[in-house]
Amino acid sequence: MSGTRMKDAAPEGIAFTLNNKPVQASPTAGERLSATLRESLGARDVKIGCNAGDCGACTVLVDGAPVCACLMSTAQAEGRHVETLSGLVQTDKNTQALAEAFQNHGAAQCGICTPGMMVSATAYLRDKNSSMEDALGGVLCRCTGYRKILDAVAEAAAGGAEPLAKFGGMGQSIRRLDGVPKVEGREAFGDDVAPPDTPVVHVIRAPFPRASFEFGDLEGFRTHTNGVLAVLSAADIKGRNCFGVIPPFADQPVFAVAETRFRGEAVAAVVGTPEFMARFDPAEFPVIWQELPSVMDCDTAMEPDAPQLHSGRSGNVMTGGFVQCGDADRALDAAAHRVTGSFSTGFVEHAYIEPEAGFATVTDGRVEIHGCTQAPVMDLDSMEEILGMDRSRIRIVPTAVGGGFGSKLDISMQPYLALAALKVNGPVRMAYSRAESMQSTTKRHPAEIRLTIGADPSGRLQGFRFDGLFNTGAYASWGPTVANRVPVHASGPYQIPDYRAEAKGIHTHCPPAGAFRGFGVPQAAIAQEVLFDELAAKLDLDPLEFREINALENGVPTVCGQVFEQGVGIKACFKALRGPWADALAEVATFNAKGGHMRRGVGIAAGWYGCGNTSLPNPSTIKSGVREDGTIMLHQGAMDIGQGANTVISQIFAQALGCDVKYLRLIGADTDVTPDAGKTSASRQTFVSGNAARLSGLALRAEILRRCNVDSAAAVIEPMGGALIVRDGAARHEVSLEGLPADKDGYVLRAEESYDPPTRPLDKDGQGVPYAQFGYAAHLAVVDVDTRYGTVHPVRFVAAHDVGHAVNPMLVEGQVHGGIAQGLGMALMEEFIPGRTENLHDYLIPTIGDIPPIETLIIEEPDAHGPYGAKGLGEHVLIPTAPALINAINRAVGVQLRQVPVTPSRLKAAMKEARHD
């Protein structure tokens, strides 16, 4: 966030051409072109994801060549032509073709990488002097899984195709309703909304996993440092210096006091002018650190002499979850065949391309916070407590969210922005650096799992005992949810009459572990599905046949005693894979018969996931209204973080109302004007907010039809001027809106409805109704393993998903692709090591060359509670991906793997050990 004129500025008037127009800038010495474009020249379609050339989000064309603007000084642009997406999409036919193709394929999900991706693709289309993968390989995407992007670029290269429908109803693949701003570079993310020259907030963070600290002269630092406007610490918090997403477990301070519990924890914040903050060195801040002994893993943290992180949590055990039915130990003792394994998974970083960022200001005594979030009303709840202000004086206005995957459920920059804005009584902004984001935000829980499974001679499961320790880091975050959700899900979607599962969350001096696409279930699925393959081998059963034998069915109780009379779609998923599985087995046999160092394998795995909170209230509210001119307004407060909620919920609402989505005008999440649609997590929005939208649409429809005395399920509604036209077959009715009294929102007709899934608390044995619906999935993965180096090359995936009813099949495919990419990363390459992997160079996520073709098989077993039978999807895809890959690797090279990621060194070591055995 550099200023535009400073004492150490480069020579006046760096002149170049920007999007065909001459411009001049006065950058500081060495200022990055990305900073000049965004802050001096207003080109905020250039995104900053890393400032290190790792992510490619800031890619621009310089004299036609793609360049990471964060790696180029502005002075180097002298006399050259710089092009960004916002300019290209106006004038370049290649970019315009890409904009259409990206919308046709849903290739822009959250949209934060889209400018860099489309600029790189434009360069490729202009000369095609490299492969498509090479041309796009410098831009990272965390949402799409890349395949849709490749399809879109290929379409544009081929001269376009029949455009996908812009509008339509339930079950139709239509373009994202919010897609155009994404592909034109107009989508405003957290760091895009502050005016230039807004004061900047920078947080001072702990350099050690555990440390005591003392401040020096803070007031002297503030008053004697030119450019410092304010210094914040715990003393500035008028409310409660504590936050957490689950109130009974809230334990994390906004600013630590006296001692920090993880590297990256906040102790203070500096507010300064952009010019000062551009050159500020945090080492100059007056604080003295003393490193203290720390515990970084569960076993060490549970030792009797380990330092205790929180009072009342003896042995550093945060909490636990437990489910049992029947007698698992007795059944295992009687089992004809048993398998046992210990499994280990590490921290996984969310690695969204948009670091946390936002803007806050004070208006008429009210503080307004604009920023990236998955849960605006939860943010409001937290800010009310932290600021000690009535919630009526706080407003949360979410920006677009450049990926979340769970971590942006927790508050990050919000309290620092609000405290700073109140302190200076004016606007402030902040954007986390990539290192700051990776140090301080939540991760996927590392897990240590011990699992034993038995079966009778026919292959029926006979006893299942699961014990898991989950490293929840320094603070609780979503650790209680993980501890409770894992025992419910560790069975997988199978019939297991004798079952015992226990999970514990353990505190360590690591970053807090929180929500990440699956809430602990992917870790459990690795253990369960890998051992299933071993058990099937002992039984001399085909792995798919073994799973089909034991698959859950309608009318059969889950391990929690819950019985679904309809909608259990896992067996249908398995049946859909029979053909691909048989084909892959034959292909693998033929490939491996040739010999050589490359070995091919195929693996299969399944998963299930309960949509929404576990046995807790989980409501969503959707408001709609009609203005006097006939405009139909939909207040859609379910945060769309790339998954497509804006489009899917609109399609559901339109279906219920009886109109086309083209007539809807959306009003997004804003705590002043839009009701709470709940947090975007746990694959709940299609199910829960979708149901609220359905009810709101039905209520508004009933009011409209009542006014024209129509009672017909077939009637359709169409706004026309100051009236609503109702067509019922050949009959036409007109509902005049002129003169009707308007409410405070300007609506002459309105509806506001809520939906809360029917669940029931779990008893001491975990018996009850934890979720009103589950979604189901089965994945097949084919891999090649180079036995010389231990490298794994995925060849293809086939993914069968029961989504109940596919509201928008294109968006279903997009979620499947993205979930598989993240599961692949977890399985093969991603491992966050505190203090070592704090950038996107050392922490590896899949690139465009890592994701093979993916075939999506959509299964529709309607759910009893879902809107028009629909089920959630987001989390489900990631769950079976890693175990399917591990099982494929095992089949390729004959080694049993127990730790992810399966890095080349680990796989080589396992193969060497297997040879010695």
Foldseek 3Di string as FASTA:
>chain_A
DAAQDDPQWDPFWQWEAELNHIDTTTGHVQAFQLCCCCFVVPLPLQAAQFLPLQAQLRWWAKQLHTDRSSVHGSSVSRHIYIYWLLSCCVPPPLLVLLLQLCQQQVVQFLLSSQRRQSNLLSSCLVPVPDDNQVSRFSHDAQFFLQPSSVRSSVQSSVPHDDGAAQWDFFQAFHGFVPSNCSSNSNAAAAARPDHHFFKAKDFQWAQALKKFKDFDPQVCCQVVDPFWDDKFFLVLWPFDQWDALDVVFIDAGQADDGMARATLGTGMMTIGTSNCVVPDDSVPGGMDIDDDDWFDDLVQLQDQPHDALDPPCHSQWSDFAKFWFDAQVVQLVVFPDKDKDKFKFFWFDQSQSFFWKHKWAADPQAIEIEHAAQFQVSLLVRCCRRNVHDSVRYKYHYGRARGDQWFRNDDDCVVVQRSVNVSSRTMYIYGDHLLSRLRAIATAWIKIKIKMWGHHLVLETGHIEIEMETAQESGCHAVVQLRHFQQQWLVFQFAYRGYIYMYTYGYTSGHGHYGGQASNLLRSQLVVLLVLVVNCVVSVHDSLVSCLVTGHDAQGAGSQRDHHNFDRCANVQSVVCPVVVVVVVVVQVVVCVVPDQKHKFKFKGKGKFFAAFFQDWFKAKKKWFAAQFGQIETEAARRRNRLSLSPLLLSLLCLLLQEMSVRYDYDYHMVVPHGGGGGPDRLHCQFRVSVNSNVFSNVLNVVQCVQQVDDDSNWHWDGDTSWIWIDDPPDIDIGGSPPQDADPVNGSTMGMGMGIADWHDADPNSHTGGHLDMKMKMKMWMWMARLVQQDIATAEMEMEIAFQGRRHVSSLSSLLSSLLQQLLCSAAFAHDDNPPPSRCVNGDGDTSRRRHYYHYHYHHTFRPRGSNRGGGDNSRNNNTNNSRRQRRVCRGQVFRDRYPRSYRVNSNVRSVVVVVD
